Amino acid sequence: MSGSPGGGVPQRARKEAQELVDEILGKRVREPVVGAAGKLAAEIFGKRRKKENTEARRRQRARLAARTHDNPQSRCRNWMLHEGNVHYARNGSAFRNGGYTKLDLRTRTRLGVKDYGAIGIGTVDIVCQRGVGGPDPCVVTMHDVLHVPSAPCSGISIAKLRDADVEAMLGRGGCVMVQKHTTEQMFAGTRVGRLFRVSLFGESAGESPPEQLRFERPFAISLMANEDDVMRFGRAAREIQGVEHVIGAVCGKNHGVSC
């Protein structure tokens, strides 16, 4: 039996250990395993099971948060602007026709301090005020929106707005989203502490922002995800739901934003 460099576990034992792990996972071996290969197999198997259990607990917490947040008494209607690369919705009921395609995807804040788990993806339509307190509505359609029930709010990505030729102008008094080429105002929002909240129109306008959002840092709500994964899952979800993928801003009487 050939040894490994440095006097570690022999290569043959490692190979046998991996074969034993594969057999255990395939439920083909029920007897206890012994020897060097058996000990190494048990170690590999234990680490893999620990990782799987951690992932299962994370998914369970996300599903529990989803059920809690979709309760009408705790539903969040706060859509905040953020500097991440994805749109995300805390409530499952926010998605078009109340439906989203299930997935399991990791997201993180721009600071990398906290990981949030996305459990779904779909399309969301919200009706915003073209001007704060004004009578003119603007429909904002967001594609490839992640369902992140553990997030503190729902988020609109400024980067994805730019891809739709919409620029976010932020100031002390609030925020205004304008079409880049025509400078026509599309929708607006107010300032909440260091964050910016989109002003929703009519019945869509829910409760006032919770006090804790006034103390959130902008990067703490700026979620990032692997763009290739989001595009791949989003394309599959749109095919399942029959959603047309349109990007851009429509000005004039029937103005709206699709991003």
C-alpha atoms as a PDB file:
ATOM      1  CA  MET A   1       0.000   0.000   0.000  1.00  0.00           C
ATOM      2  CA  SER A   2       1.522   3.305  -1.060  1.00  0.00           C
ATOM      3  CA  GLY A   3       1.678   6.069   1.548  1.00  0.00           C
ATOM      4  CA  SER A   4       0.794   9.677   1.059  1.00  0.00           C
ATOM      5  CA  PRO A   5       3.465  12.407   1.229  1.00  0.00           C
ATOM      6  CA  GLY A   6       4.204  13.473   4.781  1.00  0.00           C
ATOM      7  CA  GLY A   7       3.099  10.197   6.366  1.00  0.00           C
ATOM      8  CA  GLY A   8      -0.634  10.915   6.264  1.00  0.00           C
ATOM      9  CA  VAL A   9      -3.497   8.558   5.446  1.00  0.00           C
ATOM     10  CA  PRO A  10      -2.528   6.222   2.557  1.00  0.00           C
ATOM     11  CA  GLN A  11      -4.040   7.094  -0.832  1.00  0.00           C
ATOM     12  CA  ARG A  12      -5.625   3.664  -1.112  1.00  0.00           C
ATOM     13  CA  ALA A  13      -7.368   4.167   2.242  1.00  0.00           C
ATOM     14  CA  ARG A  14      -8.660   7.523   1.054  1.00  0.00           C
ATOM     15  CA  LYS A  15     -10.033   5.926  -2.099  1.00  0.00           C
ATOM     16  CA  GLU A  16     -11.658   3.142  -0.118  1.00  0.00           C
ATOM     17  CA  ALA A  17     -13.092   5.707   2.305  1.00  0.00           C
ATOM     18  CA  GLN A  18     -14.692   7.679  -0.511  1.00  0.00           C
ATOM     19  CA  GLU A  19     -16.171   4.491  -1.958  1.00  0.00           C
ATOM     20  CA  LEU A  20     -17.576   3.624   1.458  1.00  0.00           C
ATOM     21  CA  VAL A  21     -19.131   7.096   1.793  1.00  0.00           C
ATOM     22  CA  ASP A  22     -20.750   6.727  -1.627  1.00  0.00           C
ATOM     23  CA  GLU A  23     -22.127   3.325  -0.642  1.00  0.00           C
ATOM     24  CA  ILE A  24     -23.410   4.609   2.709  1.00  0.00           C
ATOM     25  CA  LEU A  25     -25.156   7.546   1.030  1.00  0.00           C
ATOM     26  CA  GLY A  26     -26.602   5.128  -1.500  1.00  0.00           C
ATOM     27  CA  LYS A  27     -27.870   2.970   1.398  1.00  0.00           C
ATOM     28  CA  ARG A  28     -26.100  -0.094   0.029  1.00  0.00           C
ATOM     29  CA  VAL A  29     -24.015  -0.666   3.176  1.00  0.00           C
ATOM     30  CA  ARG A  30     -25.688  -1.291   6.527  1.00  0.00           C
ATOM     31  CA  GLU A  31     -22.836  -2.969   8.445  1.00  0.00           C
ATOM     32  CA  PRO A  32     -20.368  -0.880  10.482  1.00  0.00           C
ATOM     33  CA  VAL A  33     -17.099  -0.158   8.630  1.00  0.00           C
ATOM     34  CA  VAL A  34     -13.691  -0.724  10.228  1.00  0.00           C
ATOM     35  CA  GLY A  35     -10.031   0.023   9.589  1.00  0.00           C
ATOM     36  CA  ALA A  36      -8.294   3.170   8.343  1.00  0.00           C
ATOM     37  CA  ALA A  37     -10.663   3.506   5.403  1.00  0.00           C
ATOM     38  CA  GLY A  38     -13.669   3.060   7.690  1.00  0.00           C
ATOM     39  CA  LYS A  39     -12.525   5.763  10.113  1.00  0.00           C
ATOM     40  CA  LEU A  40     -11.852   8.210   7.295  1.00  0.00           C
ATOM     41  CA  ALA A  41     -15.195   7.354   5.693  1.00  0.00           C
ATOM     42  CA  ALA A  42     -16.984   8.076   8.969  1.00  0.00           C
ATOM     43  CA  GLU A  43     -15.214  11.452   9.198  1.00  0.00           C
ATOM     44  CA  ILE A  44     -16.119  12.420   5.623  1.00  0.00           C
ATOM     45  CA  PHE A  45     -19.673  11.178   6.104  1.00  0.00           C
ATOM     46  CA  GLY A  46     -20.044  13.143   9.364  1.00  0.00           C
ATOM     47  CA  LYS A  47     -18.858  16.402   7.807  1.00  0.00           C
ATOM     48  CA  ARG A  48     -21.205  15.967   4.849  1.00  0.00           C
ATOM     49  CA  ARG A  49     -24.183  15.196   7.085  1.00  0.00           C
ATOM     50  CA  LYS A  50     -23.384  18.234   9.286  1.00  0.00           C
ATOM     51  CA  LYS A  51     -23.346  20.495   6.225  1.00  0.00           C
ATOM     52  CA  GLU A  52     -26.622  19.018   4.948  1.00  0.00           C
ATOM     53  CA  ASN A  53     -28.266  19.491   8.359  1.00  0.00           C
ATOM     54  CA  THR A  54     -27.097  23.121   8.499  1.00  0.00           C
ATOM     55  CA  GLU A  55     -28.568  23.791   5.049  1.00  0.00           C
ATOM     56  CA  ALA A  56     -31.819  22.054   6.028  1.00  0.00           C
ATOM     57  CA  ARG A  57     -32.137  24.210   9.165  1.00  0.00           C
ATOM     58  CA  ARG A  58     -31.497  27.358   7.120  1.00  0.00           C
ATOM     59  CA  ARG A  59     -34.225  26.415   4.644  1.00  0.00           C
ATOM     60  CA  GLN A  60     -36.590  25.609   7.509  1.00  0.00           C
ATOM     61  CA  ARG A  61     -35.997  29.035   9.086  1.00  0.00           C
ATOM     62  CA  ALA A  62     -36.648  30.696   5.719  1.00  0.00           C
ATOM     63  CA  ARG A  63     -39.939  28.826   5.269  1.00  0.00           C
ATOM     64  CA  LEU A  64     -41.011  29.760   8.799  1.00  0.00           C
ATOM     65  CA  ALA A  65     -40.197  33.403   8.106  1.00  0.00           C
ATOM     66  CA  ALA A  66     -42.179  33.203   4.858  1.00  0.00           C
ATOM     67  CA  ARG A  67     -45.291  31.957   6.677  1.00  0.00           C
ATOM     68  CA  THR A  68     -44.896  34.639   9.351  1.00  0.00           C
ATOM     69  CA  HIS A  69     -44.381  37.512   6.919  1.00  0.00           C
ATOM     70  CA  ASP A  70     -47.318  36.520   4.719  1.00  0.00           C
ATOM     71  CA  ASN A  71     -49.611  36.915   7.714  1.00  0.00           C
ATOM     72  CA  PRO A  72     -51.697  40.058   6.930  1.00  0.00           C
ATOM     73  CA  GLN A  73     -50.869  41.456  10.359  1.00  0.00           C
ATOM     74  CA  SER A  74     -47.106  41.297   9.770  1.00  0.00           C
ATOM     75  CA  ARG A  75     -46.969  41.846   5.998  1.00  0.00           C
ATOM     76  CA  CYS A  76     -44.315  44.357   4.896  1.00  0.00           C
ATOM     77  CA  ARG A  77     -45.172  46.850   2.154  1.00  0.00           C
ATOM     78  CA  ASN A  78     -41.964  48.849   2.329  1.00  0.00           C
ATOM     79  CA  TRP A  79     -40.010  48.907  -0.931  1.00  0.00           C
ATOM     80  CA  MET A  80     -36.589  50.440  -0.326  1.00  0.00           C
ATOM     81  CA  LEU A  81     -33.935  51.434  -2.872  1.00  0.00           C
ATOM     82  CA  HIS A  82     -30.612  49.646  -2.460  1.00  0.00           C
ATOM     83  CA  GLU A  83     -27.172  49.280  -4.059  1.00  0.00           C
ATOM     84  CA  GLY A  84     -27.236  45.503  -4.568  1.00  0.00           C
ATOM     85  CA  ASN A  85     -27.593  43.680  -7.893  1.00  0.00           C
ATOM     86  CA  VAL A  86     -31.013  42.017  -7.400  1.00  0.00           C
ATOM     87  CA  HIS A  87     -34.610  42.995  -6.686  1.00  0.00           C
ATOM     88  CA  TYR A  88     -36.079  41.097  -3.743  1.00  0.00           C
ATOM     89  CA  ALA A  89     -39.475  40.783  -2.045  1.00  0.00           C
ATOM     90  CA  ARG A  90     -40.022  39.798   1.569  1.00  0.00           C
ATOM     91  CA  ASN A  91     -43.661  38.731   1.047  1.00  0.00           C
ATOM     92  CA  GLY A  92     -44.661  35.857  -1.198  1.00  0.00           C
ATOM     93  CA  SER A  93     -48.004  37.598  -1.807  1.00  0.00           C
ATOM     94  CA  ALA A  94     -46.165  40.438  -3.579  1.00  0.00           C
ATOM     95  CA  PHE A  95     -45.535  38.282  -6.658  1.00  0.00           C
ATOM     96  CA  ARG A  96     -47.722  38.445  -9.738  1.00  0.00           C
ATOM     97  CA  ASN A  97     -50.838  36.317  -9.241  1.00  0.00           C
ATOM     98  CA  GLY A  98     -49.480  35.464  -5.798  1.00  0.00           C
ATOM     99  CA  GLY A  99     -47.043  32.930  -7.218  1.00  0.00           C
ATOM    100  CA  TYR A 100     -43.303  32.402  -7.551  1.00  0.00           C
ATOM    101  CA  THR A 101     -41.061  29.559  -8.680  1.00  0.00           C
ATOM    102  CA  LYS A 102     -39.321  27.801  -5.792  1.00  0.00           C
ATOM    103  CA  LEU A 103     -35.551  27.708  -5.558  1.00  0.00           C
ATOM    104  CA  ASP A 104     -32.773  27.619  -2.968  1.00  0.00           C
ATOM    105  CA  LEU A 105     -30.196  30.368  -3.516  1.00  0.00           C
ATOM    106  CA  ARG A 106     -27.754  32.146  -1.225  1.00  0.00           C
ATOM    107  CA  THR A 107     -27.673  35.941  -1.121  1.00  0.00           C
ATOM    108  CA  ARG A 108     -25.467  38.228   0.944  1.00  0.00           C
ATOM    109  CA  THR A 109     -25.272  41.886   1.888  1.00  0.00           C
ATOM    110  CA  ARG A 110     -22.669  44.102   0.277  1.00  0.00           C
ATOM    111  CA  LEU A 111     -20.838  44.216   3.585  1.00  0.00           C
ATOM    112  CA  GLY A 112     -20.814  40.421   3.662  1.00  0.00           C
ATOM    113  CA  VAL A 113     -22.005  40.546   7.267  1.00  0.00           C
ATOM    114  CA  LYS A 114     -25.175  38.494   6.923  1.00  0.00           C
ATOM    115  CA  ASP A 115     -26.425  35.833   4.522  1.00  0.00           C
ATOM    116  CA  TYR A 116     -30.065  35.702   3.481  1.00  0.00           C
ATOM    117  CA  GLY A 117     -31.634  32.691   1.812  1.00  0.00           C
ATOM    118  CA  ALA A 118     -33.839  33.159  -1.257  1.00  0.00           C
ATOM    119  CA  ILE A 119     -36.568  30.516  -1.577  1.00  0.00           C
ATOM    120  CA  GLY A 120     -38.285  31.695  -4.768  1.00  0.00           C
ATOM    121  CA  ILE A 121     -38.099  33.883  -7.884  1.00  0.00           C
ATOM    122  CA  GLY A 122     -40.743  35.573 -10.003  1.00  0.00           C
ATOM    123  CA  THR A 123     -42.248  38.819 -11.305  1.00  0.00           C
ATOM    124  CA  VAL A 124     -43.618  41.642  -9.158  1.00  0.00           C
ATOM    125  CA  ASP A 125     -45.807  44.609 -10.160  1.00  0.00           C
ATOM    126  CA  ILE A 126     -46.122  47.599  -7.838  1.00  0.00           C
ATOM    127  CA  VAL A 127     -47.992  50.842  -8.433  1.00  0.00           C
ATOM    128  CA  CYS A 128     -45.971  53.859  -7.366  1.00  0.00           C
ATOM    129  CA  GLN A 129     -46.639  57.583  -7.136  1.00  0.00           C
ATOM    130  CA  ARG A 130     -45.102  59.565  -9.933  1.00  0.00           C
ATOM    131  CA  GLY A 131     -44.643  62.349  -7.406  1.00  0.00           C
ATOM    132  CA  VAL A 132     -44.937  62.037  -3.632  1.00  0.00           C
ATOM    133  CA  GLY A 133     -48.579  62.668  -2.752  1.00  0.00           C
ATOM    134  CA  GLY A 134     -49.498  63.185  -6.419  1.00  0.00           C
ATOM    135  CA  PRO A 135     -52.514  61.726  -8.273  1.00  0.00           C
ATOM    136  CA  ASP A 136     -50.564  60.195 -11.169  1.00  0.00           C
ATOM    137  CA  PRO A 137     -49.580  56.485 -10.841  1.00  0.00           C
ATOM    138  CA  CYS A 138     -46.664  54.625 -12.407  1.00  0.00           C
ATOM    139  CA  VAL A 139     -46.592  50.823 -12.736  1.00  0.00           C
ATOM    140  CA  VAL A 140     -43.176  49.340 -11.984  1.00  0.00           C
ATOM    141  CA  THR A 141     -42.727  45.755 -13.219  1.00  0.00           C
ATOM    142  CA  MET A 142     -39.720  43.929 -11.767  1.00  0.00           C
ATOM    143  CA  HIS A 143     -38.415  40.685 -13.288  1.00  0.00           C
ATOM    144  CA  ASP A 144     -36.271  38.015 -11.627  1.00  0.00           C
ATOM    145  CA  VAL A 145     -37.304  39.172  -8.145  1.00  0.00           C
ATOM    146  CA  LEU A 146     -35.992  36.915  -5.374  1.00  0.00           C
ATOM    147  CA  HIS A 147     -38.299  35.906  -2.532  1.00  0.00           C
ATOM    148  CA  VAL A 148     -36.237  36.539   0.625  1.00  0.00           C
ATOM    149  CA  PRO A 149     -38.586  36.148   3.623  1.00  0.00           C
ATOM    150  CA  SER A 150     -35.886  36.867   6.221  1.00  0.00           C
ATOM    151  CA  ALA A 151     -35.007  40.281   4.746  1.00  0.00           C
ATOM    152  CA  PRO A 152     -35.944  43.362   6.818  1.00  0.00           C
ATOM    153  CA  CYS A 153     -37.903  44.836   3.884  1.00  0.00           C
ATOM    154  CA  SER A 154     -38.384  44.493   0.115  1.00  0.00           C
ATOM    155  CA  GLY A 155     -35.754  46.028  -2.149  1.00  0.00           C
ATOM    156  CA  ILE A 156     -35.472  47.667  -5.572  1.00  0.00           C
ATOM    157  CA  SER A 157     -31.992  47.547  -7.093  1.00  0.00           C
ATOM    158  CA  ILE A 158     -30.719  50.931  -8.305  1.00  0.00           C
ATOM    159  CA  ALA A 159     -28.317  49.077 -10.626  1.00  0.00           C
ATOM    160  CA  LYS A 160     -31.204  47.247 -12.327  1.00  0.00           C
ATOM    161  CA  LEU A 161     -33.084  50.545 -12.688  1.00  0.00           C
ATOM    162  CA  ARG A 162     -30.043  51.934 -14.526  1.00  0.00           C
ATOM    163  CA  ASP A 163     -30.158  48.940 -16.887  1.00  0.00           C
ATOM    164  CA  ALA A 164     -33.718  50.051 -17.731  1.00  0.00           C
ATOM    165  CA  ASP A 165     -32.495  53.622 -18.502  1.00  0.00           C
ATOM    166  CA  VAL A 166     -33.895  54.961 -15.229  1.00  0.00           C
ATOM    167  CA  GLU A 167     -31.650  57.044 -12.988  1.00  0.00           C
ATOM    168  CA  ALA A 168     -32.262  57.408  -9.254  1.00  0.00           C
ATOM    169  CA  MET A 169     -31.692  60.933  -7.970  1.00  0.00           C
ATOM    170  CA  LEU A 170     -31.223  60.865  -4.196  1.00  0.00           C
ATOM    171  CA  GLY A 171     -31.298  63.852  -1.875  1.00  0.00           C
ATOM    172  CA  ARG A 172     -32.088  65.027   1.619  1.00  0.00           C
ATOM    173  CA  GLY A 173     -35.757  65.522   0.809  1.00  0.00           C
ATOM    174  CA  GLY A 174     -36.290  62.134  -0.841  1.00  0.00           C
ATOM    175  CA  CYS A 175     -35.686  60.431  -4.184  1.00  0.00           C
ATOM    176  CA  VAL A 176     -36.901  60.784  -7.754  1.00  0.00           C
ATOM    177  CA  MET A 177     -36.496  58.227 -10.557  1.00  0.00           C
ATOM    178  CA  VAL A 178     -36.194  59.811 -14.005  1.00  0.00           C
ATOM    179  CA  GLN A 179     -35.904  58.455 -17.537  1.00  0.00           C
ATOM    180  CA  LYS A 180     -32.286  59.096 -18.591  1.00  0.00           C
ATOM    181  CA  HIS A 181     -32.845  60.427 -22.117  1.00  0.00           C
ATOM    182  CA  THR A 182     -35.991  62.496 -21.578  1.00  0.00           C
ATOM    183  CA  THR A 183     -35.482  63.337 -17.852  1.00  0.00           C
ATOM    184  CA  GLU A 184     -39.194  62.626 -17.382  1.00  0.00           C
ATOM    185  CA  GLN A 185     -40.050  61.766 -13.794  1.00  0.00           C
ATOM    186  CA  MET A 186     -41.213  58.142 -13.493  1.00  0.00           C
ATOM    187  CA  PHE A 187     -41.780  57.647  -9.749  1.00  0.00           C
ATOM    188  CA  ALA A 188     -40.636  59.055  -6.427  1.00  0.00           C
ATOM    189  CA  GLY A 189     -40.028  58.257  -2.782  1.00  0.00           C
ATOM    190  CA  THR A 190     -39.248  59.606   0.657  1.00  0.00           C
ATOM    191  CA  ARG A 191     -36.239  59.434   2.921  1.00  0.00           C
ATOM    192  CA  VAL A 192     -36.327  57.158   5.972  1.00  0.00           C
ATOM    193  CA  GLY A 193     -33.200  57.680   8.064  1.00  0.00           C
ATOM    194  CA  ARG A 194     -30.327  56.799   5.716  1.00  0.00           C
ATOM    195  CA  LEU A 195     -32.596  54.821   3.359  1.00  0.00           C
ATOM    196  CA  PHE A 196     -35.061  55.750   0.595  1.00  0.00           C
ATOM    197  CA  ARG A 197     -38.570  54.323   0.490  1.00  0.00           C
ATOM    198  CA  VAL A 198     -40.610  54.244  -2.734  1.00  0.00           C
ATOM    199  CA  SER A 199     -44.012  55.952  -2.381  1.00  0.00           C
ATOM    200  CA  LEU A 200     -46.768  53.499  -3.321  1.00  0.00           C
ATOM    201  CA  PHE A 201     -50.033  54.589  -4.926  1.00  0.00           C
ATOM    202  CA  GLY A 202     -53.565  54.327  -3.603  1.00  0.00           C
ATOM    203  CA  GLU A 203     -54.479  51.119  -1.797  1.00  0.00           C
ATOM    204  CA  SER A 204     -50.962  49.769  -2.300  1.00  0.00           C
ATOM    205  CA  ALA A 205     -49.702  52.323   0.207  1.00  0.00           C
ATOM    206  CA  GLY A 206     -49.537  50.427   3.486  1.00  0.00           C
ATOM    207  CA  GLU A 207     -48.384  51.233   6.946  1.00  0.00           C
ATOM    208  CA  SER A 208     -45.734  53.811   7.732  1.00  0.00           C
ATOM    209  CA  PRO A 209     -42.160  52.480   7.729  1.00  0.00           C
ATOM    210  CA  PRO A 210     -41.267  50.562  10.905  1.00  0.00           C
ATOM    211  CA  GLU A 211     -38.991  52.437  13.258  1.00  0.00           C
ATOM    212  CA  GLN A 212     -36.123  49.964  12.872  1.00  0.00           C
ATOM    213  CA  LEU A 213     -35.700  50.881   9.178  1.00  0.00           C
ATOM    214  CA  ARG A 214     -34.668  54.377  10.259  1.00  0.00           C
ATOM    215  CA  PHE A 215     -31.557  52.886  11.836  1.00  0.00           C
ATOM    216  CA  GLU A 216     -30.619  50.436   9.068  1.00  0.00           C
ATOM    217  CA  ARG A 217     -27.433  51.108   7.117  1.00  0.00           C
ATOM    218  CA  PRO A 218     -27.812  51.242   3.304  1.00  0.00           C
ATOM    219  CA  PHE A 219     -25.373  48.375   2.715  1.00  0.00           C
ATOM    220  CA  ALA A 220     -27.212  46.226   5.271  1.00  0.00           C
ATOM    221  CA  ILE A 221     -30.212  45.922   2.917  1.00  0.00           C
ATOM    222  CA  SER A 222     -28.170  45.824  -0.321  1.00  0.00           C
ATOM    223  CA  LEU A 223     -28.402  42.165  -1.319  1.00  0.00           C
ATOM    224  CA  MET A 224     -26.051  40.532  -3.797  1.00  0.00           C
ATOM    225  CA  ALA A 225     -26.478  37.226  -5.638  1.00  0.00           C
ATOM    226  CA  ASN A 226     -24.711  35.353  -8.401  1.00  0.00           C
ATOM    227  CA  GLU A 227     -26.012  37.048 -11.570  1.00  0.00           C
ATOM    228  CA  ASP A 228     -25.655  33.926 -13.729  1.00  0.00           C
ATOM    229  CA  ASP A 229     -27.775  31.920 -11.274  1.00  0.00           C
ATOM    230  CA  VAL A 230     -30.408  34.662 -11.090  1.00  0.00           C
ATOM    231  CA  MET A 231     -30.616  34.884 -14.897  1.00  0.00           C
ATOM    232  CA  ARG A 232     -30.843  31.099 -15.258  1.00  0.00           C
ATOM    233  CA  PHE A 233     -33.523  30.648 -12.584  1.00  0.00           C
ATOM    234  CA  GLY A 234     -35.348  33.773 -13.770  1.00  0.00           C
ATOM    235  CA  ARG A 235     -35.522  32.552 -17.362  1.00  0.00           C
ATOM    236  CA  ALA A 236     -36.947  29.214 -16.228  1.00  0.00           C
ATOM    237  CA  ALA A 237     -39.496  30.955 -13.986  1.00  0.00           C
ATOM    238  CA  ARG A 238     -40.678  33.262 -16.777  1.00  0.00           C
ATOM    239  CA  GLU A 239     -41.159  30.276 -19.081  1.00  0.00           C
ATOM    240  CA  ILE A 240     -43.199  28.466 -16.428  1.00  0.00           C
ATOM    241  CA  GLN A 241     -45.314  31.548 -15.661  1.00  0.00           C
ATOM    242  CA  GLY A 242     -45.560  32.763 -19.268  1.00  0.00           C
ATOM    243  CA  VAL A 243     -44.112  36.207 -18.479  1.00  0.00           C
ATOM    244  CA  GLU A 244     -42.713  38.394 -21.265  1.00  0.00           C
ATOM    245  CA  HIS A 245     -39.282  39.793 -20.378  1.00  0.00           C
ATOM    246  CA  VAL A 246     -39.293  43.509 -21.296  1.00  0.00           C
ATOM    247  CA  ILE A 247     -36.713  45.997 -20.033  1.00  0.00           C
ATOM    248  CA  GLY A 248     -37.038  49.783 -20.272  1.00  0.00           C
ATOM    249  CA  ALA A 249     -39.085  52.850 -19.386  1.00  0.00           C
ATOM    250  CA  VAL A 250     -42.235  54.020 -21.168  1.00  0.00           C
ATOM    251  CA  CYS A 251     -42.823  57.778 -20.978  1.00  0.00           C
ATOM    252  CA  GLY A 252     -45.884  59.878 -21.659  1.00  0.00           C
ATOM    253  CA  LYS A 253     -49.465  59.186 -20.650  1.00  0.00           C
ATOM    254  CA  ASN A 254     -49.011  55.441 -20.153  1.00  0.00           C
ATOM    255  CA  HIS A 255     -45.640  55.719 -18.468  1.00  0.00           C
ATOM    256  CA  GLY A 256     -44.210  52.774 -16.600  1.00  0.00           C
ATOM    257  CA  VAL A 257     -40.951  50.995 -15.815  1.00  0.00           C
ATOM    258  CA  SER A 258     -39.931  47.387 -16.507  1.00  0.00           C
ATOM    259  CA  CYS A 259     -36.636  46.348 -14.969  1.00  0.00           C
END
